[in-house]
Amino acid sequence: MRRSPHAGPRTRPPDGWPPRRHLPTWRGDAVDIGRSDATERLSRHGAEYGLCQIYRNEPWHYELRTEAIEHGCPRMYADPTQDPRTQQ
């Protein structure tokens, strides 16, 4: 995925988080979608394309999870602090 030329500057992950290269957004395996009909459509049909909302508190954040095409999206985490990938 390409980064929008209108996106703000990238910031470094909070202290204690893994290096950016390990986070899906930084690898290009995630996308943040602004307020639009797309977020509602993805919440209903994203798994068909392998796109899953991962955090309940981030309705704009979707990650590529190709296994979701056949098995559905994984259970959502409450927020990124609950995601084991953000733990060291």
PDB file of N, CA and C in Angstrom:
ATOM      1  N   MET A   1       0.838  -1.170   0.000  1.00  0.00           N
ATOM      2  CA  MET A   1       0.000   0.000   0.000  1.00  0.00           C
ATOM      3  C   MET A   1       0.881   1.230   0.000  1.00  0.00           C
ATOM      4  N   ARG A   2       0.394   2.239  -0.649  1.00  0.00           N
ATOM      5  CA  ARG A   2       1.149   3.486  -0.687  1.00  0.00           C
ATOM      6  C   ARG A   2       0.593   4.459   0.335  1.00  0.00           C
ATOM      7  N   ARG A   3       1.467   5.226   0.877  1.00  0.00           N
ATOM      8  CA  ARG A   3       1.097   6.233   1.863  1.00  0.00           C
ATOM      9  C   ARG A   3       0.580   7.469   1.153  1.00  0.00           C
ATOM     10  N   SER A   4      -0.502   8.010   1.652  1.00  0.00           N
ATOM     11  CA  SER A   4      -1.090   9.202   1.072  1.00  0.00           C
ATOM     12  C   SER A   4      -0.127  10.381   1.201  1.00  0.00           C
ATOM     13  N   PRO A   5      -0.019  11.207   0.148  1.00  0.00           N
ATOM     14  CA  PRO A   5       0.827  12.402   0.268  1.00  0.00           C
ATOM     15  C   PRO A   5       0.242  13.409   1.263  1.00  0.00           C
ATOM     16  N   HIS A   6      -1.019  13.208   1.665  1.00  0.00           N
ATOM     17  CA  HIS A   6      -1.666  14.115   2.609  1.00  0.00           C
ATOM     18  C   HIS A   6      -1.558  13.627   4.048  1.00  0.00           C
ATOM     19  N   ALA A   7      -0.963  12.447   4.249  1.00  0.00           N
ATOM     20  CA  ALA A   7      -0.822  11.904   5.598  1.00  0.00           C
ATOM     21  C   ALA A   7       0.171  12.740   6.394  1.00  0.00           C
ATOM     22  N   GLY A   8      -0.055  12.803   7.661  1.00  0.00           N
ATOM     23  CA  GLY A   8       0.856  13.533   8.534  1.00  0.00           C
ATOM     24  C   GLY A   8       2.183  12.795   8.670  1.00  0.00           C
ATOM     25  N   PRO A   9       3.127  13.388   9.360  1.00  0.00           N
ATOM     26  CA  PRO A   9       4.427  12.733   9.524  1.00  0.00           C
ATOM     27  C   PRO A   9       4.292  11.477  10.362  1.00  0.00           C
ATOM     28  N   ARG A  10       5.103  10.497  10.051  1.00  0.00           N
ATOM     29  CA  ARG A  10       5.113   9.277  10.856  1.00  0.00           C
ATOM     30  C   ARG A  10       5.823   9.574  12.162  1.00  0.00           C
ATOM     31  N   THR A  11       5.274   9.023  13.201  1.00  0.00           N
ATOM     32  CA  THR A  11       5.901   9.199  14.506  1.00  0.00           C
ATOM     33  C   THR A  11       6.443   7.857  14.964  1.00  0.00           C
ATOM     34  N   ARG A  12       7.325   7.880  15.915  1.00  0.00           N
ATOM     35  CA  ARG A  12       7.868   6.612  16.396  1.00  0.00           C
ATOM     36  C   ARG A  12       6.902   5.985  17.372  1.00  0.00           C
ATOM     37  N   PRO A  13       6.909   4.646  17.458  1.00  0.00           N
ATOM     38  CA  PRO A  13       6.018   3.974  18.403  1.00  0.00           C
ATOM     39  C   PRO A  13       6.333   4.388  19.839  1.00  0.00           C
ATOM     40  N   PRO A  14       5.364   4.262  20.736  1.00  0.00           N
ATOM     41  CA  PRO A  14       5.600   4.613  22.148  1.00  0.00           C
ATOM     42  C   PRO A  14       6.747   3.799  22.734  1.00  0.00           C
ATOM     43  N   ASP A  15       7.381   4.335  23.758  1.00  0.00           N
ATOM     44  CA  ASP A  15       8.453   3.611  24.445  1.00  0.00           C
ATOM     45  C   ASP A  15       7.961   2.243  24.883  1.00  0.00           C
ATOM     46  N   GLY A  16       8.802   1.256  24.707  1.00  0.00           N
ATOM     47  CA  GLY A  16       8.458  -0.094  25.107  1.00  0.00           C
ATOM     48  C   GLY A  16       7.805  -0.913  24.004  1.00  0.00           C
ATOM     49  N   TRP A  17       7.410  -0.273  22.898  1.00  0.00           N
ATOM     50  CA  TRP A  17       6.815  -1.008  21.791  1.00  0.00           C
ATOM     51  C   TRP A  17       7.927  -1.554  20.917  1.00  0.00           C
ATOM     52  N   PRO A  18       7.637  -2.594  20.132  1.00  0.00           N
ATOM     53  CA  PRO A  18       8.673  -3.146  19.263  1.00  0.00           C
ATOM     54  C   PRO A  18       9.069  -2.151  18.183  1.00  0.00           C
ATOM     55  N   PRO A  19      10.214  -2.377  17.535  1.00  0.00           N
ATOM     56  CA  PRO A  19      10.617  -1.484  16.452  1.00  0.00           C
ATOM     57  C   PRO A  19       9.527  -1.400  15.390  1.00  0.00           C
ATOM     58  N   ARG A  20       9.426  -0.252  14.728  1.00  0.00           N
ATOM     59  CA  ARG A  20       8.366  -0.037  13.736  1.00  0.00           C
ATOM     60  C   ARG A  20       8.292  -1.127  12.694  1.00  0.00           C
ATOM     61  N   ARG A  21       9.429  -1.667  12.286  1.00  0.00           N
ATOM     62  CA  ARG A  21       9.415  -2.649  11.201  1.00  0.00           C
ATOM     63  C   ARG A  21       8.594  -3.881  11.563  1.00  0.00           C
ATOM     64  N   HIS A  22       8.289  -4.067  12.865  1.00  0.00           N
ATOM     65  CA  HIS A  22       7.505  -5.212  13.300  1.00  0.00           C
ATOM     66  C   HIS A  22       6.014  -4.906  13.393  1.00  0.00           C
ATOM     67  N   LEU A  23       5.625  -3.649  13.264  1.00  0.00           N
ATOM     68  CA  LEU A  23       4.224  -3.275  13.378  1.00  0.00           C
ATOM     69  C   LEU A  23       3.574  -3.279  11.993  1.00  0.00           C
ATOM     70  N   PRO A  24       2.348  -3.819  11.858  1.00  0.00           N
ATOM     71  CA  PRO A  24       1.709  -3.960  10.546  1.00  0.00           C
ATOM     72  C   PRO A  24       1.591  -2.664   9.758  1.00  0.00           C
ATOM     73  N   THR A  25       1.266  -1.558  10.423  1.00  0.00           N
ATOM     74  CA  THR A  25       1.119  -0.302   9.690  1.00  0.00           C
ATOM     75  C   THR A  25       2.438   0.099   9.039  1.00  0.00           C
ATOM     76  N   TRP A  26       3.536  -0.129   9.712  1.00  0.00           N
ATOM     77  CA  TRP A  26       4.840   0.259   9.187  1.00  0.00           C
ATOM     78  C   TRP A  26       5.333  -0.704   8.113  1.00  0.00           C
ATOM     79  N   ARG A  27       4.843  -1.947   8.133  1.00  0.00           N
ATOM     80  CA  ARG A  27       5.229  -2.919   7.104  1.00  0.00           C
ATOM     81  C   ARG A  27       4.384  -2.781   5.853  1.00  0.00           C
ATOM     82  N   GLY A  28       3.309  -2.008   5.915  1.00  0.00           N
ATOM     83  CA  GLY A  28       2.409  -1.886   4.783  1.00  0.00           C
ATOM     84  C   GLY A  28       1.306  -2.924   4.794  1.00  0.00           C
ATOM     85  N   ASP A  29       1.092  -3.591   5.929  1.00  0.00           N
ATOM     86  CA  ASP A  29       0.059  -4.612   6.052  1.00  0.00           C
ATOM     87  C   ASP A  29      -1.175  -4.096   6.770  1.00  0.00           C
ATOM     88  N   ALA A  30      -1.300  -2.785   6.907  1.00  0.00           N
ATOM     89  CA  ALA A  30      -2.450  -2.194   7.586  1.00  0.00           C
ATOM     90  C   ALA A  30      -2.757  -0.854   6.939  1.00  0.00           C
ATOM     91  N   VAL A  31      -3.976  -0.416   7.161  1.00  0.00           N
ATOM     92  CA  VAL A  31      -4.388   0.870   6.614  1.00  0.00           C
ATOM     93  C   VAL A  31      -5.312   1.547   7.623  1.00  0.00           C
ATOM     94  N   ASP A  32      -5.191   2.858   7.731  1.00  0.00           N
ATOM     95  CA  ASP A  32      -6.102   3.654   8.540  1.00  0.00           C
ATOM     96  C   ASP A  32      -7.006   4.403   7.567  1.00  0.00           C
ATOM     97  N   ILE A  33      -8.304   4.264   7.760  1.00  0.00           N
ATOM     98  CA  ILE A  33      -9.286   4.842   6.845  1.00  0.00           C
ATOM     99  C   ILE A  33     -10.005   5.968   7.559  1.00  0.00           C
ATOM    100  N   GLY A  34     -10.116   7.102   6.895  1.00  0.00           N
ATOM    101  CA  GLY A  34     -10.823   8.232   7.485  1.00  0.00           C
ATOM    102  C   GLY A  34     -12.308   7.957   7.575  1.00  0.00           C
ATOM    103  N   ARG A  35     -13.018   8.872   8.175  1.00  0.00           N
ATOM    104  CA  ARG A  35     -14.469   8.700   8.316  1.00  0.00           C
ATOM    105  C   ARG A  35     -15.105   8.676   6.929  1.00  0.00           C
ATOM    106  N   SER A  36     -15.760   7.579   6.658  1.00  0.00           N
ATOM    107  CA  SER A  36     -16.425   7.453   5.361  1.00  0.00           C
ATOM    108  C   SER A  36     -17.307   6.215   5.379  1.00  0.00           C
ATOM    109  N   ASP A  37     -18.009   6.017   4.294  1.00  0.00           N
ATOM    110  CA  ASP A  37     -18.815   4.806   4.150  1.00  0.00           C
ATOM    111  C   ASP A  37     -17.918   3.580   4.076  1.00  0.00           C
ATOM    112  N   ALA A  38     -16.649   3.776   3.734  1.00  0.00           N
ATOM    113  CA  ALA A  38     -15.727   2.644   3.606  1.00  0.00           C
ATOM    114  C   ALA A  38     -15.544   1.916   4.929  1.00  0.00           C
ATOM    115  N   THR A  39     -15.487   2.639   6.048  1.00  0.00           N
ATOM    116  CA  THR A  39     -15.300   1.956   7.331  1.00  0.00           C
ATOM    117  C   THR A  39     -16.505   1.076   7.660  1.00  0.00           C
ATOM    118  N   GLU A  40     -17.699   1.557   7.360  1.00  0.00           N
ATOM    119  CA  GLU A  40     -18.893   0.748   7.610  1.00  0.00           C
ATOM    120  C   GLU A  40     -18.901  -0.482   6.705  1.00  0.00           C
ATOM    121  N   ARG A  41     -18.553  -0.286   5.447  1.00  0.00           N
ATOM    122  CA  ARG A  41     -18.526  -1.409   4.501  1.00  0.00           C
ATOM    123  C   ARG A  41     -17.455  -2.436   4.901  1.00  0.00           C
ATOM    124  N   LEU A  42     -16.277  -1.960   5.284  1.00  0.00           N
ATOM    125  CA  LEU A  42     -15.228  -2.889   5.700  1.00  0.00           C
ATOM    126  C   LEU A  42     -15.603  -3.651   6.965  1.00  0.00           C
ATOM    127  N   SER A  43     -16.307  -3.005   7.876  1.00  0.00           N
ATOM    128  CA  SER A  43     -16.700  -3.713   9.094  1.00  0.00           C
ATOM    129  C   SER A  43     -17.632  -4.874   8.750  1.00  0.00           C
ATOM    130  N   ARG A  44     -18.413  -4.737   7.688  1.00  0.00           N
ATOM    131  CA  ARG A  44     -19.329  -5.804   7.288  1.00  0.00           C
ATOM    132  C   ARG A  44     -18.714  -6.809   6.326  1.00  0.00           C
ATOM    133  N   HIS A  45     -17.835  -6.338   5.417  1.00  0.00           N
ATOM    134  CA  HIS A  45     -17.359  -7.200   4.328  1.00  0.00           C
ATOM    135  C   HIS A  45     -15.841  -7.349   4.239  1.00  0.00           C
ATOM    136  N   GLY A  46     -15.105  -6.722   5.138  1.00  0.00           N
ATOM    137  CA  GLY A  46     -13.653  -6.747   5.053  1.00  0.00           C
ATOM    138  C   GLY A  46     -13.041  -8.129   5.071  1.00  0.00           C
ATOM    139  N   ALA A  47     -13.598  -9.032   5.877  1.00  0.00           N
ATOM    140  CA  ALA A  47     -13.042 -10.392   5.979  1.00  0.00           C
ATOM    141  C   ALA A  47     -13.032 -11.095   4.633  1.00  0.00           C
ATOM    142  N   GLU A  48     -13.988 -10.775   3.768  1.00  0.00           N
ATOM    143  CA  GLU A  48     -14.037 -11.379   2.434  1.00  0.00           C
ATOM    144  C   GLU A  48     -12.771 -11.058   1.638  1.00  0.00           C
ATOM    145  N   TYR A  49     -12.126  -9.958   1.994  1.00  0.00           N
ATOM    146  CA  TYR A  49     -10.916  -9.509   1.303  1.00  0.00           C
ATOM    147  C   TYR A  49      -9.668  -9.636   2.171  1.00  0.00           C
ATOM    148  N   GLY A  50      -9.839 -10.203   3.354  1.00  0.00           N
ATOM    149  CA  GLY A  50      -8.716 -10.363   4.266  1.00  0.00           C
ATOM    150  C   GLY A  50      -8.380  -9.102   5.028  1.00  0.00           C
ATOM    151  N   LEU A  51      -9.324  -8.165   5.156  1.00  0.00           N
ATOM    152  CA  LEU A  51      -9.098  -6.924   5.896  1.00  0.00           C
ATOM    153  C   LEU A  51      -9.933  -6.938   7.163  1.00  0.00           C
ATOM    154  N   CYS A  52      -9.257  -6.837   8.301  1.00  0.00           N
ATOM    155  CA  CYS A  52      -9.934  -6.977   9.587  1.00  0.00           C
ATOM    156  C   CYS A  52      -9.671  -5.784  10.486  1.00  0.00           C
ATOM    157  N   GLN A  53     -10.726  -5.359  11.192  1.00  0.00           N
ATOM    158  CA  GLN A  53     -10.548  -4.378  12.256  1.00  0.00           C
ATOM    159  C   GLN A  53      -9.943  -5.139  13.423  1.00  0.00           C
ATOM    160  N   ILE A  54      -8.845  -4.664  13.962  1.00  0.00           N
ATOM    161  CA  ILE A  54      -8.112  -5.389  14.984  1.00  0.00           C
ATOM    162  C   ILE A  54      -8.381  -4.851  16.388  1.00  0.00           C
ATOM    163  N   TYR A  55      -8.614  -3.550  16.501  1.00  0.00           N
ATOM    164  CA  TYR A  55      -8.818  -2.926  17.813  1.00  0.00           C
ATOM    165  C   TYR A  55     -10.216  -2.319  17.908  1.00  0.00           C
ATOM    166  N   ARG A  56     -10.944  -2.640  18.974  1.00  0.00           N
ATOM    167  CA  ARG A  56     -12.296  -2.093  19.142  1.00  0.00           C
ATOM    168  C   ARG A  56     -12.288  -0.573  19.220  1.00  0.00           C
ATOM    169  N   ASN A  57     -11.248   0.001  19.802  1.00  0.00           N
ATOM    170  CA  ASN A  57     -11.230   1.451  19.966  1.00  0.00           C
ATOM    171  C   ASN A  57     -10.693   2.193  18.741  1.00  0.00           C
ATOM    172  N   GLU A  58     -10.371   1.466  17.662  1.00  0.00           N
ATOM    173  CA  GLU A  58      -9.862   2.097  16.437  1.00  0.00           C
ATOM    174  C   GLU A  58     -10.670   1.612  15.235  1.00  0.00           C
ATOM    175  N   PRO A  59     -11.899   2.129  15.057  1.00  0.00           N
ATOM    176  CA  PRO A  59     -12.737   1.654  13.956  1.00  0.00           C
ATOM    177  C   PRO A  59     -12.178   2.005  12.580  1.00  0.00           C
ATOM    178  N   TRP A  60     -11.171   2.837  12.517  1.00  0.00           N
ATOM    179  CA  TRP A  60     -10.557   3.230  11.254  1.00  0.00           C
ATOM    180  C   TRP A  60      -9.381   2.327  10.855  1.00  0.00           C
ATOM    181  N   HIS A  61      -8.888   1.486  11.766  1.00  0.00           N
ATOM    182  CA  HIS A  61      -7.660   0.710  11.547  1.00  0.00           C
ATOM    183  C   HIS A  61      -7.990  -0.711  11.091  1.00  0.00           C
ATOM    184  N   TYR A  62      -7.516  -1.079   9.899  1.00  0.00           N
ATOM    185  CA  TYR A  62      -7.722  -2.422   9.337  1.00  0.00           C
ATOM    186  C   TYR A  62      -6.380  -3.024   8.970  1.00  0.00           C
ATOM    187  N   GLU A  63      -6.255  -4.323   9.227  1.00  0.00           N
ATOM    188  CA  GLU A  63      -5.013  -5.018   8.908  1.00  0.00           C
ATOM    189  C   GLU A  63      -5.291  -6.164   7.939  1.00  0.00           C
ATOM    190  N   LEU A  64      -4.286  -6.443   7.131  1.00  0.00           N
ATOM    191  CA  LEU A  64      -4.367  -7.546   6.197  1.00  0.00           C
ATOM    192  C   LEU A  64      -4.205  -8.850   6.966  1.00  0.00           C
ATOM    193  N   ARG A  65      -5.221  -9.673   6.943  1.00  0.00           N
ATOM    194  CA  ARG A  65      -5.210 -10.992   7.581  1.00  0.00           C
ATOM    195  C   ARG A  65      -5.790 -11.964   6.559  1.00  0.00           C
ATOM    196  N   THR A  66      -4.945 -12.487   5.698  1.00  0.00           N
ATOM    197  CA  THR A  66      -5.420 -13.320   4.592  1.00  0.00           C
ATOM    198  C   THR A  66      -6.176 -14.562   5.060  1.00  0.00           C
ATOM    199  N   GLU A  67      -5.867 -15.066   6.252  1.00  0.00           N
ATOM    200  CA  GLU A  67      -6.591 -16.231   6.766  1.00  0.00           C
ATOM    201  C   GLU A  67      -8.063 -15.913   7.018  1.00  0.00           C
ATOM    202  N   ALA A  68      -8.409 -14.629   7.138  1.00  0.00           N
ATOM    203  CA  ALA A  68      -9.796 -14.228   7.380  1.00  0.00           C
ATOM    204  C   ALA A  68     -10.697 -14.549   6.192  1.00  0.00           C
ATOM    205  N   ILE A  69     -10.123 -14.631   5.013  1.00  0.00           N
ATOM    206  CA  ILE A  69     -10.926 -14.941   3.825  1.00  0.00           C
ATOM    207  C   ILE A  69     -11.647 -16.274   4.022  1.00  0.00           C
ATOM    208  N   GLU A  70     -10.972 -17.240   4.604  1.00  0.00           N
ATOM    209  CA  GLU A  70     -11.582 -18.552   4.830  1.00  0.00           C
ATOM    210  C   GLU A  70     -12.130 -18.742   6.244  1.00  0.00           C
ATOM    211  N   HIS A  71     -11.523 -18.092   7.235  1.00  0.00           N
ATOM    212  CA  HIS A  71     -11.867 -18.384   8.624  1.00  0.00           C
ATOM    213  C   HIS A  71     -12.499 -17.211   9.378  1.00  0.00           C
ATOM    214  N   GLY A  72     -12.637 -16.080   8.760  1.00  0.00           N
ATOM    215  CA  GLY A  72     -13.169 -14.906   9.441  1.00  0.00           C
ATOM    216  C   GLY A  72     -12.084 -14.175  10.218  1.00  0.00           C
ATOM    217  N   CYS A  73     -12.401 -12.978  10.611  1.00  0.00           N
ATOM    218  CA  CYS A  73     -11.431 -12.145  11.333  1.00  0.00           C
ATOM    219  C   CYS A  73     -11.225 -12.657  12.752  1.00  0.00           C
ATOM    220  N   PRO A  74     -10.018 -12.437  13.297  1.00  0.00           N
ATOM    221  CA  PRO A  74      -9.776 -12.836  14.689  1.00  0.00           C
ATOM    222  C   PRO A  74     -10.552 -11.928  15.644  1.00  0.00           C
ATOM    223  N   ARG A  75     -10.676 -12.386  16.871  1.00  0.00           N
ATOM    224  CA  ARG A  75     -11.318 -11.581  17.913  1.00  0.00           C
ATOM    225  C   ARG A  75     -10.542 -10.274  18.066  1.00  0.00           C
ATOM    226  N   MET A  76     -11.260  -9.177  18.225  1.00  0.00           N
ATOM    227  CA  MET A  76     -10.610  -7.874  18.359  1.00  0.00           C
ATOM    228  C   MET A  76     -10.018  -7.692  19.748  1.00  0.00           C
ATOM    229  N   TYR A  77      -8.921  -6.953  19.798  1.00  0.00           N
ATOM    230  CA  TYR A  77      -8.351  -6.509  21.066  1.00  0.00           C
ATOM    231  C   TYR A  77      -9.067  -5.228  21.463  1.00  0.00           C
ATOM    232  N   ALA A  78      -9.127  -4.935  22.757  1.00  0.00           N
ATOM    233  CA  ALA A  78      -9.756  -3.705  23.226  1.00  0.00           C
ATOM    234  C   ALA A  78      -9.037  -2.485  22.660  1.00  0.00           C
ATOM    235  N   ASP A  79      -7.712  -2.538  22.658  1.00  0.00           N
ATOM    236  CA  ASP A  79      -6.883  -1.449  22.140  1.00  0.00           C
ATOM    237  C   ASP A  79      -5.482  -2.002  21.888  1.00  0.00           C
ATOM    238  N   PRO A  80      -4.592  -1.219  21.283  1.00  0.00           N
ATOM    239  CA  PRO A  80      -3.253  -1.734  20.962  1.00  0.00           C
ATOM    240  C   PRO A  80      -2.450  -2.222  22.164  1.00  0.00           C
ATOM    241  N   THR A  81      -2.743  -1.722  23.350  1.00  0.00           N
ATOM    242  CA  THR A  81      -1.969  -2.174  24.511  1.00  0.00           C
ATOM    243  C   THR A  81      -2.264  -3.626  24.858  1.00  0.00           C
ATOM    244  N   GLN A  82      -3.379  -4.172  24.359  1.00  0.00           N
ATOM    245  CA  GLN A  82      -3.744  -5.563  24.615  1.00  0.00           C
ATOM    246  C   GLN A  82      -3.171  -6.516  23.563  1.00  0.00           C
ATOM    247  N   ASP A  83      -2.615  -5.981  22.507  1.00  0.00           N
ATOM    248  CA  ASP A  83      -2.089  -6.771  21.387  1.00  0.00           C
ATOM    249  C   ASP A  83      -0.697  -7.305  21.757  1.00  0.00           C
ATOM    250  N   PRO A  84      -0.518  -8.619  21.771  1.00  0.00           N
ATOM    251  CA  PRO A  84       0.795  -9.166  22.142  1.00  0.00           C
ATOM    252  C   PRO A  84       1.919  -8.713  21.218  1.00  0.00           C
ATOM    253  N   ARG A  85       1.596  -8.306  20.011  1.00  0.00           N
ATOM    254  CA  ARG A  85       2.651  -7.842  19.094  1.00  0.00           C
ATOM    255  C   ARG A  85       3.259  -6.531  19.543  1.00  0.00           C
ATOM    256  N   THR A  86       2.555  -5.794  20.395  1.00  0.00           N
ATOM    257  CA  THR A  86       3.101  -4.518  20.884  1.00  0.00           C
ATOM    258  C   THR A  86       3.870  -4.687  22.182  1.00  0.00           C
ATOM    259  N   GLN A  87       3.912  -5.903  22.694  1.00  0.00           N
ATOM    260  CA  GLN A  87       4.629  -6.188  23.934  1.00  0.00           C
ATOM    261  C   GLN A  87       6.064  -6.595  23.616  1.00  0.00           C
ATOM    262  N   GLN A  88       6.960  -6.314  24.530  1.00  0.00           N
ATOM    263  CA  GLN A  88       8.350  -6.758  24.347  1.00  0.00           C
ATOM    264  C   GLN A  88       8.592  -8.026  25.115  1.00  0.00           C
TER     265      GLN A  88
END
